[in-house]
Amino acid sequence: MKCVYTHEAVVDLERIRIFLIEHYSESYSSIIEELIERVAKLEEFPRLGSRLVSSPIALELREIVIGSYVVRYLILDQTVSILRVWYGKEDRSGIES
């Protein structure tokens, strides 16, 4: 499988990066790197996350918690599409996909 990020997920990561730079300037890059590395593991183990919706076998909406962050993704054929990424305690109104 291959992992691809939607535009929304890239925007989410940039928002998180800016927040981390402002509040955790010394460790922000290691936090982002760990998040991206753990997401990459979905290429090998796409069903690590919890299934959110009953759906046909070829279409699965899932969510995985990585540290303090939640990653929502979709498995379709041989692609894992990263839909959204947010901090677990973040106000998710406007983030839901």
PDB file of N, CA and C in Angstrom:
ATOM      1  N   MET A   1       0.842  -1.188   0.000  1.00  0.00           N
ATOM      2  CA  MET A   1       0.000   0.000   0.000  1.00  0.00           C
ATOM      3  C   MET A   1       0.878   1.239   0.000  1.00  0.00           C
ATOM      4  N   LYS A   2       0.288   2.319  -0.493  1.00  0.00           N
ATOM      5  CA  LYS A   2       0.985   3.602  -0.413  1.00  0.00           C
ATOM      6  C   LYS A   2       0.139   4.564   0.409  1.00  0.00           C
ATOM      7  N   CYS A   3       0.821   5.505   1.031  1.00  0.00           N
ATOM      8  CA  CYS A   3       0.189   6.490   1.899  1.00  0.00           C
ATOM      9  C   CYS A   3       0.240   7.849   1.197  1.00  0.00           C
ATOM     10  N   VAL A   4      -0.904   8.511   1.097  1.00  0.00           N
ATOM     11  CA  VAL A   4      -0.944   9.851   0.514  1.00  0.00           C
ATOM     12  C   VAL A   4      -1.689  10.784   1.465  1.00  0.00           C
ATOM     13  N   TYR A   5      -1.248  12.029   1.496  1.00  0.00           N
ATOM     14  CA  TYR A   5      -1.877  13.042   2.348  1.00  0.00           C
ATOM     15  C   TYR A   5      -2.799  13.909   1.497  1.00  0.00           C
ATOM     16  N   THR A   6      -4.018  14.124   1.969  1.00  0.00           N
ATOM     17  CA  THR A   6      -4.908  15.064   1.292  1.00  0.00           C
ATOM     18  C   THR A   6      -4.418  16.484   1.576  1.00  0.00           C
ATOM     19  N   HIS A   7      -4.916  17.423   0.796  1.00  0.00           N
ATOM     20  CA  HIS A   7      -4.576  18.831   1.026  1.00  0.00           C
ATOM     21  C   HIS A   7      -4.934  19.240   2.456  1.00  0.00           C
ATOM     22  N   GLU A   8      -6.097  18.799   2.931  1.00  0.00           N
ATOM     23  CA  GLU A   8      -6.544  19.140   4.282  1.00  0.00           C
ATOM     24  C   GLU A   8      -5.576  18.618   5.340  1.00  0.00           C
ATOM     25  N   ALA A   9      -5.067  17.413   5.152  1.00  0.00           N
ATOM     26  CA  ALA A   9      -4.122  16.841   6.115  1.00  0.00           C
ATOM     27  C   ALA A   9      -2.808  17.617   6.124  1.00  0.00           C
ATOM     28  N   VAL A  10      -2.362  18.051   4.956  1.00  0.00           N
ATOM     29  CA  VAL A  10      -1.136  18.856   4.875  1.00  0.00           C
ATOM     30  C   VAL A  10      -1.340  20.181   5.602  1.00  0.00           C
ATOM     31  N   VAL A  11      -2.491  20.801   5.408  1.00  0.00           N
ATOM     32  CA  VAL A  11      -2.818  22.053   6.111  1.00  0.00           C
ATOM     33  C   VAL A  11      -2.853  21.800   7.618  1.00  0.00           C
ATOM     34  N   ASP A  12      -3.436  20.674   8.028  1.00  0.00           N
ATOM     35  CA  ASP A  12      -3.473  20.316   9.451  1.00  0.00           C
ATOM     36  C   ASP A  12      -2.066  20.201  10.021  1.00  0.00           C
ATOM     37  N   LEU A  13      -1.182  19.507   9.311  1.00  0.00           N
ATOM     38  CA  LEU A  13       0.195  19.343   9.793  1.00  0.00           C
ATOM     39  C   LEU A  13       0.914  20.683   9.896  1.00  0.00           C
ATOM     40  N   GLU A  14       0.665  21.566   8.953  1.00  0.00           N
ATOM     41  CA  GLU A  14       1.279  22.898   9.010  1.00  0.00           C
ATOM     42  C   GLU A  14       0.753  23.681  10.213  1.00  0.00           C
ATOM     43  N   ARG A  15      -0.556  23.587  10.481  1.00  0.00           N
ATOM     44  CA  ARG A  15      -1.146  24.255  11.650  1.00  0.00           C
ATOM     45  C   ARG A  15      -0.517  23.718  12.934  1.00  0.00           C
ATOM     46  N   ILE A  16      -0.354  22.407  13.009  1.00  0.00           N
ATOM     47  CA  ILE A  16       0.260  21.781  14.186  1.00  0.00           C
ATOM     48  C   ILE A  16       1.712  22.217  14.315  1.00  0.00           C
ATOM     49  N   ARG A  17       2.433  22.250  13.188  1.00  0.00           N
ATOM     50  CA  ARG A  17       3.846  22.658  13.205  1.00  0.00           C
ATOM     51  C   ARG A  17       3.990  24.085  13.727  1.00  0.00           C
ATOM     52  N   ILE A  18       3.154  24.988  13.260  1.00  0.00           N
ATOM     53  CA  ILE A  18       3.217  26.388  13.708  1.00  0.00           C
ATOM     54  C   ILE A  18       2.938  26.477  15.204  1.00  0.00           C
ATOM     55  N   PHE A  19       1.927  25.759  15.670  1.00  0.00           N
ATOM     56  CA  PHE A  19       1.619  25.745  17.103  1.00  0.00           C
ATOM     57  C   PHE A  19       2.815  25.228  17.905  1.00  0.00           C
ATOM     58  N   LEU A  20       3.415  24.133  17.449  1.00  0.00           N
ATOM     59  CA  LEU A  20       4.542  23.547  18.176  1.00  0.00           C
ATOM     60  C   LEU A  20       5.752  24.478  18.186  1.00  0.00           C
ATOM     61  N   ILE A  21       6.011  25.159  17.075  1.00  0.00           N
ATOM     62  CA  ILE A  21       7.128  26.108  17.028  1.00  0.00           C
ATOM     63  C   ILE A  21       6.916  27.209  18.060  1.00  0.00           C
ATOM     64  N   GLU A  22       5.686  27.697  18.166  1.00  0.00           N
ATOM     65  CA  GLU A  22       5.384  28.777  19.102  1.00  0.00           C
ATOM     66  C   GLU A  22       5.475  28.336  20.558  1.00  0.00           C
ATOM     67  N   HIS A  23       5.123  27.085  20.843  1.00  0.00           N
ATOM     68  CA  HIS A  23       5.041  26.632  22.227  1.00  0.00           C
ATOM     69  C   HIS A  23       6.128  25.646  22.651  1.00  0.00           C
ATOM     70  N   TYR A  24       6.729  24.961  21.700  1.00  0.00           N
ATOM     71  CA  TYR A  24       7.748  23.939  22.006  1.00  0.00           C
ATOM     72  C   TYR A  24       8.878  24.043  20.989  1.00  0.00           C
ATOM     73  N   SER A  25       9.472  25.217  20.892  1.00  0.00           N
ATOM     74  CA  SER A  25      10.424  25.503  19.823  1.00  0.00           C
ATOM     75  C   SER A  25      11.601  24.533  19.757  1.00  0.00           C
ATOM     76  N   GLU A  26      12.011  23.974  20.898  1.00  0.00           N
ATOM     77  CA  GLU A  26      13.177  23.091  20.892  1.00  0.00           C
ATOM     78  C   GLU A  26      12.852  21.671  20.458  1.00  0.00           C
ATOM     79  N   SER A  27      11.613  21.243  20.617  1.00  0.00           N
ATOM     80  CA  SER A  27      11.297  19.842  20.322  1.00  0.00           C
ATOM     81  C   SER A  27      10.260  19.653  19.219  1.00  0.00           C
ATOM     82  N   TYR A  28       9.852  20.752  18.576  1.00  0.00           N
ATOM     83  CA  TYR A  28       8.760  20.628  17.606  1.00  0.00           C
ATOM     84  C   TYR A  28       9.095  19.680  16.461  1.00  0.00           C
ATOM     85  N   SER A  29      10.346  19.731  15.963  1.00  0.00           N
ATOM     86  CA  SER A  29      10.667  18.904  14.794  1.00  0.00           C
ATOM     87  C   SER A  29      10.623  17.420  15.119  1.00  0.00           C
ATOM     88  N   SER A  30      11.046  17.043  16.319  1.00  0.00           N
ATOM     89  CA  SER A  30      11.006  15.620  16.671  1.00  0.00           C
ATOM     90  C   SER A  30       9.566  15.132  16.820  1.00  0.00           C
ATOM     91  N   ILE A  31       8.676  16.000  17.281  1.00  0.00           N
ATOM     92  CA  ILE A  31       7.264  15.624  17.418  1.00  0.00           C
ATOM     93  C   ILE A  31       6.655  15.404  16.035  1.00  0.00           C
ATOM     94  N   ILE A  32       6.903  16.326  15.110  1.00  0.00           N
ATOM     95  CA  ILE A  32       6.376  16.202  13.746  1.00  0.00           C
ATOM     96  C   ILE A  32       6.977  14.982  13.055  1.00  0.00           C
ATOM     97  N   GLU A  33       8.290  14.778  13.207  1.00  0.00           N
ATOM     98  CA  GLU A  33       8.943  13.621  12.582  1.00  0.00           C
ATOM     99  C   GLU A  33       8.353  12.312  13.083  1.00  0.00           C
ATOM    100  N   GLU A  34       8.131  12.209  14.393  1.00  0.00           N
ATOM    101  CA  GLU A  34       7.551  10.986  14.949  1.00  0.00           C
ATOM    102  C   GLU A  34       6.146  10.757  14.403  1.00  0.00           C
ATOM    103  N   LEU A  35       5.371  11.805  14.319  1.00  0.00           N
ATOM    104  CA  LEU A  35       4.012  11.698  13.795  1.00  0.00           C
ATOM    105  C   LEU A  35       4.037  11.179  12.350  1.00  0.00           C
ATOM    106  N   ILE A  36       4.893  11.747  11.521  1.00  0.00           N
ATOM    107  CA  ILE A  36       4.987  11.339  10.117  1.00  0.00           C
ATOM    108  C   ILE A  36       5.513   9.908   9.992  1.00  0.00           C
ATOM    109  N   GLU A  37       6.503   9.545  10.808  1.00  0.00           N
ATOM    110  CA  GLU A  37       7.037   8.175  10.780  1.00  0.00           C
ATOM    111  C   GLU A  37       5.976   7.161  11.172  1.00  0.00           C
ATOM    112  N   ARG A  38       5.196   7.476  12.188  1.00  0.00           N
ATOM    113  CA  ARG A  38       4.149   6.541  12.634  1.00  0.00           C
ATOM    114  C   ARG A  38       3.034   6.435  11.601  1.00  0.00           C
ATOM    115  N   VAL A  39       2.700   7.535  10.953  1.00  0.00           N
ATOM    116  CA  VAL A  39       1.698   7.487   9.884  1.00  0.00           C
ATOM    117  C   VAL A  39       2.208   6.605   8.741  1.00  0.00           C
ATOM    118  N   ALA A  40       3.499   6.689   8.435  1.00  0.00           N
ATOM    119  CA  ALA A  40       4.081   5.884   7.351  1.00  0.00           C
ATOM    120  C   ALA A  40       3.922   4.387   7.609  1.00  0.00           C
ATOM    121  N   LYS A  41       3.844   3.982   8.871  1.00  0.00           N
ATOM    122  CA  LYS A  41       3.648   2.565   9.198  1.00  0.00           C
ATOM    123  C   LYS A  41       2.305   2.039   8.693  1.00  0.00           C
ATOM    124  N   LEU A  42       1.385   2.947   8.424  1.00  0.00           N
ATOM    125  CA  LEU A  42       0.091   2.527   7.880  1.00  0.00           C
ATOM    126  C   LEU A  42       0.240   1.900   6.495  1.00  0.00           C
ATOM    127  N   GLU A  43       1.348   2.188   5.808  1.00  0.00           N
ATOM    128  CA  GLU A  43       1.588   1.546   4.516  1.00  0.00           C
ATOM    129  C   GLU A  43       1.710   0.034   4.683  1.00  0.00           C
ATOM    130  N   GLU A  44       2.338  -0.393   5.764  1.00  0.00           N
ATOM    131  CA  GLU A  44       2.501  -1.824   6.034  1.00  0.00           C
ATOM    132  C   GLU A  44       1.337  -2.401   6.829  1.00  0.00           C
ATOM    133  N   PHE A  45       0.789  -1.605   7.726  1.00  0.00           N
ATOM    134  CA  PHE A  45      -0.269  -2.067   8.630  1.00  0.00           C
ATOM    135  C   PHE A  45      -1.465  -1.108   8.573  1.00  0.00           C
ATOM    136  N   PRO A  46      -2.169  -1.073   7.459  1.00  0.00           N
ATOM    137  CA  PRO A  46      -3.227  -0.070   7.286  1.00  0.00           C
ATOM    138  C   PRO A  46      -4.406  -0.224   8.239  1.00  0.00           C
ATOM    139  N   ARG A  47      -4.578  -1.373   8.812  1.00  0.00           N
ATOM    140  CA  ARG A  47      -5.733  -1.577   9.688  1.00  0.00           C
ATOM    141  C   ARG A  47      -5.385  -1.431  11.171  1.00  0.00           C
ATOM    142  N   LEU A  48      -4.313  -0.700  11.464  1.00  0.00           N
ATOM    143  CA  LEU A  48      -3.935  -0.436  12.858  1.00  0.00           C
ATOM    144  C   LEU A  48      -4.991   0.387  13.582  1.00  0.00           C
ATOM    145  N   GLY A  49      -5.590   1.312  12.886  1.00  0.00           N
ATOM    146  CA  GLY A  49      -6.563   2.207  13.506  1.00  0.00           C
ATOM    147  C   GLY A  49      -7.924   1.561  13.669  1.00  0.00           C
ATOM    148  N   SER A  50      -8.760   2.220  14.436  1.00  0.00           N
ATOM    149  CA  SER A  50     -10.126   1.749  14.676  1.00  0.00           C
ATOM    150  C   SER A  50     -11.017   2.113  13.498  1.00  0.00           C
ATOM    151  N   ARG A  51     -11.857   1.195  13.113  1.00  0.00           N
ATOM    152  CA  ARG A  51     -12.802   1.440  12.026  1.00  0.00           C
ATOM    153  C   ARG A  51     -13.911   2.362  12.541  1.00  0.00           C
ATOM    154  N   LEU A  52     -14.248   3.377  11.772  1.00  0.00           N
ATOM    155  CA  LEU A  52     -15.254   4.353  12.195  1.00  0.00           C
ATOM    156  C   LEU A  52     -16.642   4.059  11.658  1.00  0.00           C
ATOM    157  N   VAL A  53     -16.722   3.520  10.476  1.00  0.00           N
ATOM    158  CA  VAL A  53     -18.007   3.336   9.819  1.00  0.00           C
ATOM    159  C   VAL A  53     -18.046   1.954   9.183  1.00  0.00           C
ATOM    160  N   SER A  54     -19.171   1.284   9.311  1.00  0.00           N
ATOM    161  CA  SER A  54     -19.341   0.040   8.571  1.00  0.00           C
ATOM    162  C   SER A  54     -19.408   0.397   7.095  1.00  0.00           C
ATOM    163  N   SER A  55     -18.613  -0.289   6.313  1.00  0.00           N
ATOM    164  CA  SER A  55     -18.553   0.033   4.898  1.00  0.00           C
ATOM    165  C   SER A  55     -18.129  -1.204   4.119  1.00  0.00           C
ATOM    166  N   PRO A  56     -18.231  -1.150   2.813  1.00  0.00           N
ATOM    167  CA  PRO A  56     -17.765  -2.282   2.015  1.00  0.00           C
ATOM    168  C   PRO A  56     -16.292  -2.569   2.298  1.00  0.00           C
ATOM    169  N   ILE A  57     -15.875  -3.789   2.080  1.00  0.00           N
ATOM    170  CA  ILE A  57     -14.508  -4.210   2.388  1.00  0.00           C
ATOM    171  C   ILE A  57     -13.462  -3.337   1.689  1.00  0.00           C
ATOM    172  N   ALA A  58     -13.769  -2.817   0.507  1.00  0.00           N
ATOM    173  CA  ALA A  58     -12.792  -2.026  -0.241  1.00  0.00           C
ATOM    174  C   ALA A  58     -12.714  -0.576   0.221  1.00  0.00           C
ATOM    175  N   LEU A  59     -13.605  -0.171   1.122  1.00  0.00           N
ATOM    176  CA  LEU A  59     -13.644   1.221   1.556  1.00  0.00           C
ATOM    177  C   LEU A  59     -13.735   1.259   3.072  1.00  0.00           C
ATOM    178  N   GLU A  60     -12.690   1.762   3.716  1.00  0.00           N
ATOM    179  CA  GLU A  60     -12.671   1.777   5.174  1.00  0.00           C
ATOM    180  C   GLU A  60     -12.230   3.134   5.692  1.00  0.00           C
ATOM    181  N   LEU A  61     -13.060   3.734   6.542  1.00  0.00           N
ATOM    182  CA  LEU A  61     -12.719   4.970   7.227  1.00  0.00           C
ATOM    183  C   LEU A  61     -12.230   4.589   8.613  1.00  0.00           C
ATOM    184  N   ARG A  62     -11.014   5.039   8.964  1.00  0.00           N
ATOM    185  CA  ARG A  62     -10.398   4.642  10.225  1.00  0.00           C
ATOM    186  C   ARG A  62      -9.761   5.842  10.911  1.00  0.00           C
ATOM    187  N   GLU A  63      -9.444   5.631  12.194  1.00  0.00           N
ATOM    188  CA  GLU A  63      -8.801   6.657  13.005  1.00  0.00           C
ATOM    189  C   GLU A  63      -7.770   5.974  13.885  1.00  0.00           C
ATOM    190  N   ILE A  64      -6.624   6.621  14.033  1.00  0.00           N
ATOM    191  CA  ILE A  64      -5.582   6.093  14.903  1.00  0.00           C
ATOM    192  C   ILE A  64      -5.064   7.234  15.776  1.00  0.00           C
ATOM    193  N   VAL A  65      -4.766   6.915  17.025  1.00  0.00           N
ATOM    194  CA  VAL A  65      -4.191   7.892  17.950  1.00  0.00           C
ATOM    195  C   VAL A  65      -2.688   7.666  17.971  1.00  0.00           C
ATOM    196  N   ILE A  66      -1.945   8.736  17.733  1.00  0.00           N
ATOM    197  CA  ILE A  66      -0.482   8.698  17.740  1.00  0.00           C
ATOM    198  C   ILE A  66      -0.031   9.748  18.738  1.00  0.00           C
ATOM    199  N   GLY A  67       0.392   9.289  19.906  1.00  0.00           N
ATOM    200  CA  GLY A  67       0.736  10.222  20.975  1.00  0.00           C
ATOM    201  C   GLY A  67      -0.493  11.026  21.352  1.00  0.00           C
ATOM    202  N   SER A  68      -0.399  12.341  21.233  1.00  0.00           N
ATOM    203  CA  SER A  68      -1.524  13.228  21.554  1.00  0.00           C
ATOM    204  C   SER A  68      -2.333  13.614  20.320  1.00  0.00           C
ATOM    205  N   TYR A  69      -2.060  12.971  19.195  1.00  0.00           N
ATOM    206  CA  TYR A  69      -2.675  13.366  17.930  1.00  0.00           C
ATOM    207  C   TYR A  69      -3.583  12.273  17.383  1.00  0.00           C
ATOM    208  N   VAL A  70      -4.604  12.708  16.678  1.00  0.00           N
ATOM    209  CA  VAL A  70      -5.553  11.795  16.052  1.00  0.00           C
ATOM    210  C   VAL A  70      -5.391  11.937  14.541  1.00  0.00           C
ATOM    211  N   VAL A  71      -5.291  10.799  13.873  1.00  0.00           N
ATOM    212  CA  VAL A  71      -5.160  10.779  12.419  1.00  0.00           C
ATOM    213  C   VAL A  71      -6.361  10.022  11.855  1.00  0.00           C
ATOM    214  N   ARG A  72      -7.114  10.677  11.001  1.00  0.00           N
ATOM    215  CA  ARG A  72      -8.246  10.026  10.335  1.00  0.00           C
ATOM    216  C   ARG A  72      -7.799   9.691   8.916  1.00  0.00           C
ATOM    217  N   TYR A  73      -8.070   8.458   8.501  1.00  0.00           N
ATOM    218  CA  TYR A  73      -7.630   8.032   7.181  1.00  0.00           C
ATOM    219  C   TYR A  73      -8.624   7.083   6.543  1.00  0.00           C
ATOM    220  N   LEU A  74      -8.456   6.903   5.249  1.00  0.00           N
ATOM    221  CA  LEU A  74      -9.345   6.075   4.450  1.00  0.00           C
ATOM    222  C   LEU A  74      -8.508   5.066   3.678  1.00  0.00           C
ATOM    223  N   ILE A  75      -8.911   3.810   3.729  1.00  0.00           N
ATOM    224  CA  ILE A  75      -8.260   2.771   2.934  1.00  0.00           C
ATOM    225  C   ILE A  75      -9.150   2.521   1.725  1.00  0.00           C
ATOM    226  N   LEU A  76      -8.575   2.673   0.550  1.00  0.00           N
ATOM    227  CA  LEU A  76      -9.312   2.429  -0.685  1.00  0.00           C
ATOM    228  C   LEU A  76      -8.366   1.739  -1.657  1.00  0.00           C
ATOM    229  N   ASP A  77      -8.711   0.522  -2.019  1.00  0.00           N
ATOM    230  CA  ASP A  77      -7.859  -0.298  -2.873  1.00  0.00           C
ATOM    231  C   ASP A  77      -6.482  -0.432  -2.214  1.00  0.00           C
ATOM    232  N   GLN A  78      -5.429   0.040  -2.867  1.00  0.00           N
ATOM    233  CA  GLN A  78      -4.074  -0.083  -2.329  1.00  0.00           C
ATOM    234  C   GLN A  78      -3.528   1.256  -1.835  1.00  0.00           C
ATOM    235  N   THR A  79      -4.420   2.159  -1.461  1.00  0.00           N
ATOM    236  CA  THR A  79      -4.005   3.490  -1.009  1.00  0.00           C
ATOM    237  C   THR A  79      -4.581   3.802   0.365  1.00  0.00           C
ATOM    238  N   VAL A  80      -3.724   4.338   1.220  1.00  0.00           N
ATOM    239  CA  VAL A  80      -4.146   4.871   2.511  1.00  0.00           C
ATOM    240  C   VAL A  80      -4.115   6.392   2.358  1.00  0.00           C
ATOM    241  N   SER A  81      -5.285   7.008   2.373  1.00  0.00           N
ATOM    242  CA  SER A  81      -5.373   8.468   2.242  1.00  0.00           C
ATOM    243  C   SER A  81      -5.516   9.082   3.625  1.00  0.00           C
ATOM    244  N   ILE A  82      -4.540   9.896   4.000  1.00  0.00           N
ATOM    245  CA  ILE A  82      -4.591  10.602   5.280  1.00  0.00           C
ATOM    246  C   ILE A  82      -5.509  11.800   5.071  1.00  0.00           C
ATOM    247  N   LEU A  83      -6.649  11.784   5.771  1.00  0.00           N
ATOM    248  CA  LEU A  83      -7.668  12.809   5.563  1.00  0.00           C
ATOM    249  C   LEU A  83      -7.473  14.026   6.446  1.00  0.00           C
ATOM    250  N   ARG A  84      -7.264  13.805   7.746  1.00  0.00           N
ATOM    251  CA  ARG A  84      -7.133  14.904   8.706  1.00  0.00           C
ATOM    252  C   ARG A  84      -6.204  14.484   9.830  1.00  0.00           C
ATOM    253  N   VAL A  85      -5.592  15.473  10.476  1.00  0.00           N
ATOM    254  CA  VAL A  85      -4.720  15.260  11.632  1.00  0.00           C
ATOM    255  C   VAL A  85      -5.021  16.377  12.616  1.00  0.00           C
ATOM    256  N   TRP A  86      -5.226  16.027  13.904  1.00  0.00           N
ATOM    257  CA  TRP A  86      -5.461  17.072  14.897  1.00  0.00           C
ATOM    258  C   TRP A  86      -4.970  16.627  16.265  1.00  0.00           C
ATOM    259  N   TYR A  87      -4.755  17.626  17.110  1.00  0.00           N
ATOM    260  CA  TYR A  87      -4.387  17.389  18.502  1.00  0.00           C
ATOM    261  C   TYR A  87      -5.618  16.845  19.207  1.00  0.00           C
ATOM    262  N   GLY A  88      -5.433  15.830  20.040  1.00  0.00           N
ATOM    263  CA  GLY A  88      -6.552  15.142  20.670  1.00  0.00           C
ATOM    264  C   GLY A  88      -7.498  16.027  21.457  1.00  0.00           C
ATOM    265  N   LYS A  89      -6.994  17.103  22.064  1.00  0.00           N
ATOM    266  CA  LYS A  89      -7.844  17.987  22.868  1.00  0.00           C
ATOM    267  C   LYS A  89      -8.301  19.220  22.090  1.00  0.00           C
ATOM    268  N   GLU A  90      -7.966  19.250  20.812  1.00  0.00           N
ATOM    269  CA  GLU A  90      -8.317  20.383  19.966  1.00  0.00           C
ATOM    270  C   GLU A  90      -9.825  20.419  19.710  1.00  0.00           C
ATOM    271  N   ASP A  91     -10.361  21.613  19.591  1.00  0.00           N
ATOM    272  CA  ASP A  91     -11.764  21.774  19.206  1.00  0.00           C
ATOM    273  C   ASP A  91     -11.889  21.303  17.757  1.00  0.00           C
ATOM    274  N   ARG A  92     -12.629  20.223  17.547  1.00  0.00           N
ATOM    275  CA  ARG A  92     -12.697  19.607  16.225  1.00  0.00           C
ATOM    276  C   ARG A  92     -13.803  20.170  15.348  1.00  0.00           C
ATOM    277  N   SER A  93     -14.557  21.138  15.836  1.00  0.00           N
ATOM    278  CA  SER A  93     -15.582  21.721  14.963  1.00  0.00           C
ATOM    279  C   SER A  93     -14.858  22.391  13.795  1.00  0.00           C
ATOM    280  N   GLY A  94     -15.273  22.066  12.620  1.00  0.00           N
ATOM    281  CA  GLY A  94     -14.601  22.588  11.436  1.00  0.00           C
ATOM    282  C   GLY A  94     -13.477  21.696  10.955  1.00  0.00           C
ATOM    283  N   ILE A  95     -13.111  20.680  11.744  1.00  0.00           N
ATOM    284  CA  ILE A  95     -12.044  19.757  11.356  1.00  0.00           C
ATOM    285  C   ILE A  95     -12.629  18.448  10.850  1.00  0.00           C
ATOM    286  N   GLU A  96     -13.783  18.086  11.337  1.00  0.00           N
ATOM    287  CA  GLU A  96     -14.370  16.788  10.980  1.00  0.00           C
ATOM    288  C   GLU A  96     -14.421  16.618   9.471  1.00  0.00           C
ATOM    289  N   SER A  97     -14.112  15.392   9.041  1.00  0.00           N
ATOM    290  CA  SER A  97     -14.203  15.104   7.607  1.00  0.00           C
ATOM    291  C   SER A  97     -15.223  14.034   7.366  1.00  0.00           C
TER     292      SER A  97
END
